Amino acid sequence: MNSLPLLEDMHQISSHMVDAARANDWDRLVTLELDVSALRQRIADNDEEATSPSERARKVALMKQILAHDAEVRRHVEPWMAQVKVFLGKLPAGRAENG
């Protein structure tokens, strides 16, 4: 099976992940990350058939865009994660572990 359609889907979902991160919609971001993870697994399990040079070029372009989306998501998530760590550090001892 050709993984190009799976990469196209992953690209689209990663774009939605950027939108969710920009909107601080963490629940949606987690759901989308699960979708990407499932696609990543399908691609890894995929027996790739030979592809044309144009398909390979498209795959490379998609992967570069997906990586750019990932960097953009991280740009929004990392400050939020730092705030969460500060908040958890201010909880009384034992509270962070027990919820």
N, C-alpha and C. Protein backbone atom coordinates (compact mmCIF):
# COMPACT_ATOMS: atom_id res chain seq x y z
N MET A 1 0.84 -1.18 0.00
CA MET A 1 0.00 0.00 0.00
C MET A 1 0.88 1.24 0.00
N ASN A 2 0.49 2.23 -0.75
CA ASN A 2 1.20 3.49 -0.82
C ASN A 2 0.86 4.33 0.40
N SER A 3 1.87 4.84 1.07
CA SER A 3 1.65 5.61 2.30
C SER A 3 1.32 7.07 2.01
N LEU A 4 1.34 7.50 0.76
CA LEU A 4 1.07 8.90 0.45
C LEU A 4 -0.29 9.37 0.98
N PRO A 5 -1.38 8.61 0.79
CA PRO A 5 -2.66 9.07 1.34
C PRO A 5 -2.62 9.20 2.88
N LEU A 6 -1.88 8.31 3.53
CA LEU A 6 -1.76 8.40 4.99
C LEU A 6 -0.99 9.65 5.40
N LEU A 7 0.06 9.97 4.65
CA LEU A 7 0.81 11.20 4.93
C LEU A 7 -0.03 12.44 4.66
N GLU A 8 -0.86 12.39 3.62
CA GLU A 8 -1.77 13.51 3.35
C GLU A 8 -2.71 13.71 4.53
N ASP A 9 -3.27 12.62 5.07
CA ASP A 9 -4.14 12.70 6.24
C ASP A 9 -3.39 13.24 7.45
N MET A 10 -2.16 12.75 7.66
CA MET A 10 -1.36 13.21 8.79
C MET A 10 -1.07 14.70 8.67
N HIS A 11 -0.79 15.15 7.47
CA HIS A 11 -0.54 16.58 7.23
C HIS A 11 -1.76 17.40 7.60
N GLN A 12 -2.93 16.96 7.18
CA GLN A 12 -4.15 17.70 7.47
C GLN A 12 -4.40 17.75 8.98
N ILE A 13 -4.24 16.62 9.65
CA ILE A 13 -4.47 16.59 11.10
C ILE A 13 -3.44 17.45 11.82
N SER A 14 -2.18 17.41 11.37
CA SER A 14 -1.16 18.23 12.03
C SER A 14 -1.47 19.71 11.87
N SER A 15 -2.08 20.08 10.77
CA SER A 15 -2.51 21.47 10.57
C SER A 15 -3.59 21.83 11.59
N HIS A 16 -4.51 20.92 11.82
CA HIS A 16 -5.56 21.14 12.83
C HIS A 16 -4.95 21.22 14.23
N MET A 17 -3.86 20.47 14.45
CA MET A 17 -3.18 20.52 15.74
C MET A 17 -2.61 21.92 15.99
N VAL A 18 -2.07 22.54 14.94
CA VAL A 18 -1.57 23.91 15.07
C VAL A 18 -2.70 24.84 15.48
N ASP A 19 -3.86 24.69 14.82
CA ASP A 19 -5.02 25.53 15.15
C ASP A 19 -5.43 25.33 16.61
N ALA A 20 -5.45 24.08 17.06
CA ALA A 20 -5.84 23.79 18.43
C ALA A 20 -4.83 24.38 19.42
N ALA A 21 -3.55 24.26 19.12
CA ALA A 21 -2.52 24.80 20.01
C ALA A 21 -2.62 26.32 20.09
N ARG A 22 -2.83 26.96 18.95
CA ARG A 22 -2.98 28.42 18.94
C ARG A 22 -4.18 28.87 19.76
N ALA A 23 -5.22 28.05 19.77
CA ALA A 23 -6.45 28.37 20.50
C ALA A 23 -6.40 27.89 21.96
N ASN A 24 -5.27 27.30 22.36
CA ASN A 24 -5.15 26.71 23.70
C ASN A 24 -6.24 25.67 23.97
N ASP A 25 -6.63 24.97 22.93
CA ASP A 25 -7.64 23.91 23.04
C ASP A 25 -6.91 22.59 23.26
N TRP A 26 -6.49 22.37 24.50
CA TRP A 26 -5.62 21.23 24.82
C TRP A 26 -6.33 19.90 24.67
N ASP A 27 -7.64 19.84 24.98
CA ASP A 27 -8.38 18.59 24.81
C ASP A 27 -8.42 18.17 23.34
N ARG A 28 -8.69 19.13 22.48
CA ARG A 28 -8.72 18.84 21.04
C ARG A 28 -7.33 18.45 20.55
N LEU A 29 -6.31 19.13 21.06
CA LEU A 29 -4.94 18.82 20.67
C LEU A 29 -4.58 17.38 21.02
N VAL A 30 -4.97 16.94 22.20
CA VAL A 30 -4.69 15.56 22.62
C VAL A 30 -5.40 14.57 21.70
N THR A 31 -6.65 14.85 21.39
CA THR A 31 -7.41 13.96 20.50
C THR A 31 -6.76 13.88 19.13
N LEU A 32 -6.35 15.01 18.61
CA LEU A 32 -5.69 15.03 17.30
C LEU A 32 -4.35 14.31 17.34
N GLU A 33 -3.62 14.45 18.45
CA GLU A 33 -2.34 13.75 18.58
C GLU A 33 -2.55 12.24 18.57
N LEU A 34 -3.63 11.78 19.18
CA LEU A 34 -3.95 10.35 19.13
C LEU A 34 -4.22 9.90 17.70
N ASP A 35 -4.91 10.74 16.93
CA ASP A 35 -5.18 10.43 15.52
C ASP A 35 -3.87 10.35 14.72
N VAL A 36 -2.97 11.31 14.95
CA VAL A 36 -1.68 11.30 14.26
C VAL A 36 -0.89 10.07 14.65
N SER A 37 -0.92 9.72 15.92
CA SER A 37 -0.19 8.55 16.40
C SER A 37 -0.68 7.28 15.70
N ALA A 38 -1.99 7.16 15.55
CA ALA A 38 -2.55 5.99 14.86
C ALA A 38 -2.09 5.95 13.40
N LEU A 39 -2.09 7.10 12.75
CA LEU A 39 -1.62 7.16 11.37
C LEU A 39 -0.13 6.83 11.28
N ARG A 40 0.64 7.33 12.24
CA ARG A 40 2.08 7.05 12.26
C ARG A 40 2.31 5.55 12.35
N GLN A 41 1.51 4.88 13.17
CA GLN A 41 1.65 3.43 13.31
C GLN A 41 1.27 2.71 12.02
N ARG A 42 0.22 3.18 11.37
CA ARG A 42 -0.19 2.57 10.10
C ARG A 42 0.90 2.73 9.04
N ILE A 43 1.54 3.90 9.02
CA ILE A 43 2.62 4.12 8.06
C ILE A 43 3.80 3.21 8.39
N ALA A 44 4.12 3.07 9.68
CA ALA A 44 5.24 2.21 10.08
C ALA A 44 4.96 0.75 9.73
N ASP A 45 3.71 0.34 9.83
CA ASP A 45 3.34 -1.05 9.53
C ASP A 45 3.16 -1.30 8.04
N ASN A 46 3.16 -0.24 7.27
CA ASN A 46 2.87 -0.29 5.84
C ASN A 46 4.02 -0.93 5.07
N ASP A 47 3.69 -1.87 4.22
CA ASP A 47 4.67 -2.40 3.27
C ASP A 47 4.68 -1.48 2.08
N GLU A 48 5.66 -0.64 2.02
CA GLU A 48 5.73 0.38 0.97
C GLU A 48 6.04 -0.25 -0.38
N GLU A 49 5.22 0.09 -1.34
CA GLU A 49 5.54 -0.33 -2.70
C GLU A 49 6.37 0.77 -3.34
N ALA A 50 7.04 0.44 -4.39
CA ALA A 50 7.89 1.41 -5.07
C ALA A 50 7.05 2.62 -5.49
N THR A 51 7.60 3.79 -5.29
CA THR A 51 6.88 5.00 -5.66
C THR A 51 7.67 5.76 -6.72
N SER A 52 6.96 6.58 -7.43
CA SER A 52 7.59 7.38 -8.49
C SER A 52 8.40 8.52 -7.84
N PRO A 53 9.30 9.12 -8.60
CA PRO A 53 10.05 10.26 -8.07
C PRO A 53 9.13 11.41 -7.62
N SER A 54 8.05 11.63 -8.33
CA SER A 54 7.13 12.72 -7.94
C SER A 54 6.42 12.39 -6.63
N GLU A 55 6.06 11.10 -6.43
CA GLU A 55 5.43 10.71 -5.16
C GLU A 55 6.42 10.85 -4.01
N ARG A 56 7.67 10.45 -4.24
CA ARG A 56 8.70 10.59 -3.19
C ARG A 56 8.89 12.06 -2.84
N ALA A 57 8.91 12.91 -3.86
CA ALA A 57 9.06 14.35 -3.61
C ALA A 57 7.89 14.90 -2.81
N ARG A 58 6.69 14.44 -3.13
CA ARG A 58 5.50 14.88 -2.39
C ARG A 58 5.58 14.41 -0.94
N LYS A 59 6.01 13.17 -0.72
CA LYS A 59 6.15 12.64 0.63
C LYS A 59 7.15 13.47 1.44
N VAL A 60 8.27 13.79 0.83
CA VAL A 60 9.28 14.61 1.51
C VAL A 60 8.70 15.98 1.87
N ALA A 61 7.98 16.59 0.93
CA ALA A 61 7.37 17.90 1.18
C ALA A 61 6.36 17.81 2.33
N LEU A 62 5.55 16.76 2.33
CA LEU A 62 4.57 16.58 3.40
C LEU A 62 5.26 16.40 4.75
N MET A 63 6.31 15.59 4.77
CA MET A 63 7.03 15.36 6.03
C MET A 63 7.63 16.66 6.56
N LYS A 64 8.18 17.47 5.66
CA LYS A 64 8.74 18.75 6.09
C LYS A 64 7.65 19.66 6.67
N GLN A 65 6.47 19.66 6.05
CA GLN A 65 5.37 20.48 6.54
C GLN A 65 4.86 19.95 7.89
N ILE A 66 4.80 18.64 8.02
CA ILE A 66 4.36 18.03 9.28
C ILE A 66 5.35 18.41 10.39
N LEU A 67 6.64 18.37 10.10
CA LEU A 67 7.65 18.77 11.10
C LEU A 67 7.52 20.25 11.44
N ALA A 68 7.22 21.08 10.46
CA ALA A 68 7.01 22.51 10.73
C ALA A 68 5.78 22.70 11.62
N HIS A 69 4.72 21.94 11.35
CA HIS A 69 3.53 22.01 12.20
C HIS A 69 3.87 21.59 13.63
N ASP A 70 4.66 20.52 13.75
CA ASP A 70 5.06 20.05 15.07
C ASP A 70 5.82 21.13 15.82
N ALA A 71 6.72 21.82 15.15
CA ALA A 71 7.48 22.90 15.79
C ALA A 71 6.55 24.02 16.24
N GLU A 72 5.56 24.35 15.42
CA GLU A 72 4.60 25.39 15.78
C GLU A 72 3.76 24.97 16.98
N VAL A 73 3.34 23.72 17.02
CA VAL A 73 2.57 23.23 18.17
C VAL A 73 3.43 23.34 19.42
N ARG A 74 4.68 22.90 19.34
CA ARG A 74 5.58 22.97 20.50
C ARG A 74 5.78 24.40 20.97
N ARG A 75 5.81 25.34 20.05
CA ARG A 75 5.97 26.74 20.40
C ARG A 75 4.84 27.22 21.31
N HIS A 76 3.65 26.63 21.15
CA HIS A 76 2.50 27.01 21.97
C HIS A 76 2.40 26.14 23.23
N VAL A 77 2.77 24.88 23.11
CA VAL A 77 2.59 23.95 24.23
C VAL A 77 3.65 24.14 25.31
N GLU A 78 4.89 24.39 24.92
CA GLU A 78 5.96 24.45 25.91
C GLU A 78 5.75 25.54 26.96
N PRO A 79 5.33 26.76 26.62
CA PRO A 79 5.05 27.74 27.67
C PRO A 79 3.92 27.31 28.60
N TRP A 80 2.91 26.67 28.03
CA TRP A 80 1.80 26.18 28.85
C TRP A 80 2.30 25.10 29.81
N MET A 81 3.13 24.19 29.32
CA MET A 81 3.68 23.14 30.17
C MET A 81 4.53 23.75 31.30
N ALA A 82 5.27 24.80 31.01
CA ALA A 82 6.06 25.46 32.04
C ALA A 82 5.15 26.04 33.12
N GLN A 83 4.02 26.61 32.72
CA GLN A 83 3.06 27.15 33.69
C GLN A 83 2.48 26.03 34.55
N VAL A 84 2.19 24.90 33.93
CA VAL A 84 1.65 23.76 34.69
C VAL A 84 2.67 23.29 35.71
N LYS A 85 3.93 23.20 35.33
CA LYS A 85 4.97 22.77 36.26
C LYS A 85 5.09 23.73 37.43
N VAL A 86 5.01 25.03 37.17
CA VAL A 86 5.06 26.02 38.25
C VAL A 86 3.87 25.83 39.16
N PHE A 87 2.69 25.66 38.59
CA PHE A 87 1.48 25.46 39.39
C PHE A 87 1.61 24.21 40.24
N LEU A 88 2.05 23.11 39.65
CA LEU A 88 2.18 21.87 40.41
C LEU A 88 3.24 22.00 41.50
N GLY A 89 4.26 22.79 41.26
CA GLY A 89 5.29 23.01 42.26
C GLY A 89 4.79 23.78 43.46
N LYS A 90 3.71 24.54 43.29
CA LYS A 90 3.14 25.36 44.38
C LYS A 90 2.12 24.59 45.20
N LEU A 91 1.72 23.39 44.75
CA LEU A 91 0.77 22.60 45.51
C LEU A 91 1.41 22.07 46.78
N PRO A 92 0.64 21.90 47.84
CA PRO A 92 1.19 21.31 49.06
C PRO A 92 1.73 19.91 48.78
N ALA A 93 2.74 19.53 49.53
CA ALA A 93 3.36 18.20 49.36
C ALA A 93 2.30 17.12 49.38
N GLY A 94 2.39 16.17 48.45
CA GLY A 94 1.44 15.06 48.37
C GLY A 94 0.23 15.36 47.54
N ARG A 95 -0.14 16.62 47.38
CA ARG A 95 -1.34 16.98 46.61
C ARG A 95 -1.17 16.68 45.12
N ALA A 96 -0.01 16.96 44.56
CA ALA A 96 0.22 16.73 43.13
C ALA A 96 0.12 15.26 42.78
N GLU A 97 0.60 14.39 43.68
CA GLU A 97 0.56 12.95 43.40
C GLU A 97 -0.84 12.38 43.57
N ASN A 98 -1.61 12.95 44.46
CA ASN A 98 -2.93 12.40 44.77
C ASN A 98 -4.04 13.06 43.96
N GLY A 99 -3.74 14.10 43.23
CA GLY A 99 -4.72 14.79 42.40
C GLY A 99 -5.52 15.68 43.22
